[in-house]
Protein backbone atom coordinates (compact mmCIF):
# COMPACT_ATOMS: atom_id res chain seq x y z
CA MET A 1 33.19 2.98 -1.18
CA TYR A 2 32.66 3.64 -5.25
CA ALA A 3 35.20 0.56 -5.91
CA LEU A 4 32.58 -1.41 -3.24
CA ALA A 5 29.42 -0.70 -5.59
CA ARG A 6 31.08 -1.25 -8.92
CA ILE A 7 32.33 -4.62 -7.66
CA LEU A 8 28.74 -5.56 -6.58
CA ALA A 9 27.28 -4.24 -10.07
CA LEU A 10 29.71 -6.54 -11.24
CA VAL A 11 29.01 -9.65 -9.70
CA LEU A 12 25.34 -8.93 -10.10
CA PHE A 13 25.93 -8.65 -14.03
CA GLY A 14 28.04 -11.62 -13.71
CA ALA A 15 25.16 -13.72 -12.03
CA ILE A 16 22.64 -12.81 -14.46
CA GLY A 17 24.89 -14.02 -17.35
CA LEU A 18 25.67 -16.97 -16.20
CA THR A 19 21.93 -17.95 -15.47
CA GLY A 20 21.21 -17.35 -19.45
CA CYS A 21 18.93 -14.34 -18.43
CA ALA A 22 20.03 -10.70 -20.12
CA PRO A 23 18.74 -7.89 -18.11
CA SER A 24 16.42 -7.30 -20.98
CA LYS A 25 14.57 -10.76 -20.73
CA LEU A 26 14.04 -10.20 -17.17
CA PRO A 27 10.30 -9.79 -16.30
CA LEU A 28 9.21 -6.52 -15.29
CA ALA A 29 7.20 -5.96 -12.48
CA ARG A 30 4.13 -3.67 -12.93
CA LYS A 31 1.91 -2.50 -10.05
CA ALA A 32 -1.42 -0.92 -9.94
CA PRO A 33 -1.52 3.06 -9.59
CA PRO A 34 -1.20 3.96 -6.16
CA ASP A 35 -4.64 5.59 -6.53
CA SER A 36 -6.25 2.55 -8.40
CA TYR A 37 -8.15 1.18 -5.14
CA ARG A 38 -9.82 4.25 -3.65
CA VAL A 39 -11.91 2.55 -0.78
CA TYR A 40 -10.28 2.52 2.72
CA ASN A 41 -11.31 0.07 5.22
CA GLY A 42 -13.17 -2.03 2.63
CA SER A 43 -12.81 -4.91 4.86
CA PHE A 44 -14.53 -3.41 7.80
CA GLU A 45 -11.71 -4.80 9.99
CA GLN A 46 -10.56 -1.17 11.33
CA ASP A 47 -13.08 1.17 12.88
CA THR A 48 -12.63 4.12 10.65
CA GLY A 49 -13.62 5.33 6.70
CA TRP A 50 -16.80 5.38 7.28
CA THR A 51 -19.31 7.36 7.55
CA ARG A 52 -23.13 6.36 9.56
CA SER A 53 -25.90 7.06 7.38
CA ALA A 54 -29.26 6.79 9.37
CA PRO A 55 -31.96 8.84 10.78
CA MET A 56 -31.72 10.24 14.34
CA GLY A 57 -32.66 7.93 16.83
CA PHE A 58 -32.18 4.53 14.62
CA SER A 59 -31.12 2.38 17.15
CA GLU A 60 -34.48 2.23 18.84
CA TYR A 61 -35.02 -0.02 15.64
CA ALA A 62 -31.98 -0.88 13.92
CA VAL A 63 -28.34 -1.95 14.28
CA LEU A 64 -25.33 -0.60 12.23
CA ARG A 65 -21.93 -2.07 13.39
CA PHE A 66 -18.67 -3.38 12.27
CA ASP A 67 -19.69 -6.89 13.47
CA ASP A 68 -16.77 -9.89 13.70
CA ARG A 69 -19.59 -13.14 13.86
CA ASP A 70 -19.67 -13.23 10.00
CA ALA A 71 -17.33 -12.06 7.59
CA ARG A 72 -16.69 -12.99 4.12
CA SER A 73 -12.95 -12.87 4.45
CA GLY A 74 -10.73 -11.80 7.11
CA ARG A 75 -12.52 -11.60 10.70
CA ARG A 76 -15.61 -8.35 10.09
CA SER A 77 -18.33 -7.11 8.03
CA ALA A 78 -20.59 -4.06 8.12
CA TYR A 79 -23.38 -5.34 9.43
CA VAL A 80 -26.90 -3.52 8.43
CA ALA A 81 -30.65 -4.94 10.33
CA ILE A 82 -33.60 -3.22 10.73
CA ARG A 83 -35.74 -4.62 13.29
CA ARG A 84 -39.44 -3.00 12.85
CA HIS A 85 -40.62 -0.20 10.50
CA PRO A 86 -38.85 3.44 10.79
CA ARG A 87 -40.44 6.60 11.29
CA VAL A 88 -38.62 7.78 8.47
CA PRO A 89 -39.49 6.03 5.35
CA GLN A 90 -36.74 4.95 2.09
CA ALA A 91 -33.86 6.74 4.71
CA LEU A 92 -30.74 4.92 4.27
CA HIS A 93 -29.47 2.74 7.31
CA GLY A 94 -25.72 1.96 6.34
CA TRP A 95 -22.43 3.84 5.44
CA THR A 96 -21.27 6.03 3.18
CA GLN A 97 -17.51 7.11 2.12
CA LYS A 98 -16.66 10.01 0.03
CA ILE A 99 -13.97 8.85 -2.80
CA ARG A 100 -10.64 10.87 -2.84
CA PRO A 101 -8.82 11.78 -5.26
CA LEU A 102 -11.57 11.75 -7.74
CA PRO A 103 -11.63 9.70 -10.73
CA ARG A 104 -12.59 12.74 -13.02
CA GLY A 105 -13.46 11.28 -16.81
CA ARG A 106 -12.40 7.89 -15.74
CA THR A 107 -14.01 4.64 -16.06
CA ILE A 108 -14.64 3.05 -12.41
CA ARG A 109 -15.76 -0.29 -11.09
CA PHE A 110 -16.87 -0.47 -8.08
CA GLY A 111 -18.85 -3.82 -6.01
CA GLY A 112 -18.07 -6.03 -3.35
CA TRP A 113 -19.58 -9.38 -1.33
CA VAL A 114 -23.55 -9.28 0.05
CA LYS A 115 -25.18 -11.21 2.09
CA VAL A 116 -29.11 -10.66 2.51
CA THR A 117 -31.72 -12.09 5.23
CA GLY A 118 -35.27 -11.40 5.11
CA ALA A 119 -36.44 -8.60 2.61
CA PRO A 120 -34.44 -5.51 3.32
CA HIS A 121 -34.20 -3.39 -0.25
CA VAL A 122 -30.54 -3.44 -0.11
CA GLN A 123 -28.85 -0.11 -1.71
CA PHE A 124 -25.10 -0.72 -2.65
CA GLY A 125 -24.11 2.20 -5.15
CA ILE A 126 -22.37 5.63 -5.92
CA GLU A 127 -23.43 8.73 -6.05
CA TYR A 128 -22.06 11.54 -8.07
CA GLU A 129 -22.32 15.49 -8.43
CA ARG A 130 -21.62 16.98 -11.52
CA ARG A 131 -21.00 20.74 -11.71
CA GLN A 132 -23.05 21.15 -15.27
CA ALA A 133 -26.68 20.24 -15.15
CA VAL A 134 -27.84 17.27 -17.83
CA LYS A 135 -31.57 17.75 -18.43
CA GLY A 136 -31.83 19.76 -15.02
CA ARG A 137 -30.08 17.37 -13.09
CA THR A 138 -26.81 17.45 -11.18
CA LEU A 139 -26.91 14.71 -8.98
CA PHE A 140 -26.63 11.25 -10.03
CA SER A 141 -26.50 7.59 -8.85
CA VAL A 142 -25.80 4.19 -9.60
CA GLU A 143 -26.92 1.16 -8.01
CA LEU A 144 -25.79 -2.45 -7.76
CA PRO A 145 -28.25 -5.22 -8.91
CA PRO A 146 -30.30 -7.06 -6.29
CA VAL A 147 -29.03 -9.84 -4.13
CA PRO A 148 -30.84 -12.71 -3.49
CA ALA A 149 -32.23 -13.23 0.41
CA ASP A 150 -30.71 -16.53 0.59
CA GLY A 151 -28.52 -15.86 3.67
CA ARG A 152 -25.35 -16.45 1.46
CA TYR A 153 -22.69 -13.90 0.24
CA HIS A 154 -22.68 -12.80 -3.23
CA PHE A 155 -20.25 -10.61 -5.64
CA VAL A 156 -21.73 -7.97 -7.11
CA GLN A 157 -20.14 -5.13 -9.56
CA GLN A 158 -20.73 -2.29 -11.96
CA GLN A 159 -18.38 -0.28 -14.36
CA VAL A 160 -19.19 3.41 -14.78
CA PRO A 161 -17.69 6.15 -17.01
CA LEU A 162 -17.38 9.37 -14.94
CA PRO A 163 -17.79 12.71 -16.45
CA GLU A 164 -15.16 14.82 -16.66
CA ASP A 165 -16.93 17.41 -14.26
CA VAL A 166 -17.18 15.13 -11.32
CA GLU A 167 -17.26 17.58 -8.23
CA GLU A 168 -18.17 14.68 -5.41
CA LEU A 169 -18.22 11.02 -5.11
CA VAL A 170 -19.46 9.06 -2.78
CA LEU A 171 -20.03 5.42 -1.94
CA TYR A 172 -22.69 4.07 -0.04
CA LEU A 173 -24.30 0.86 1.26
CA GLY A 174 -27.18 -0.12 3.24
CA ILE A 175 -30.81 -1.46 4.01
CA THR A 176 -34.10 0.42 3.55
CA ARG A 177 -36.56 -1.86 4.78
CA ILE A 178 -36.82 -4.59 7.35
CA GLY A 179 -34.34 -7.28 7.24
CA ALA A 180 -30.44 -7.64 7.50
CA ALA A 181 -27.22 -7.32 5.19
CA ARG A 182 -23.85 -7.70 5.75
CA PHE A 183 -21.16 -6.19 3.78
CA ASP A 184 -17.38 -7.19 3.01
CA ASP A 185 -14.32 -6.67 0.56
CA VAL A 186 -16.15 -3.71 -0.55
CA PHE A 187 -14.11 -2.02 -3.92
CA LEU A 188 -13.71 1.07 -6.08
CA LYS A 189 -11.18 0.83 -8.73
CA VAL A 190 -10.13 2.86 -11.39
CA VAL A 191 -10.14 0.85 -14.83
CA ASP A 192 -9.06 3.16 -17.44
């Protein structure tokens, strides 16, 4: 067995030598660290990974589903629609996902594709809790910029440095007013 391994190694090195490539000149394949993309099911192709974030009885006036009628890529997107005014003003109707493992003290980039119709207030962002209060606060949020309500998918993203004392990090997406939005290819990536 050992002799066969030596013969295979010699043949491999001989083949490399005949092609004019020394082993030190071969390109190295570099992969991203396995935890650099931290959103599970960001393309909404499966029925898992996300938690509904909506008041009790939301189905009387709103729709929350992973929908196969209109996706930017793949076959499904996350669809949120509010048809009439809810009883609870400013409540988020959409999905959330806790991000694990926590990228403490790292810079992250998050975003995705959003398609808006009507005039909803789209909320697509992160919320993180710190162990130590800063100016009396421990809970902070960063939202992505507004998306035009033109019925087309738009790419939005933001880069955020997270503090070392992050205790919890949640990605959220949804709407708070009458209208509809679709989300697809949502991501959160460690960039440093």
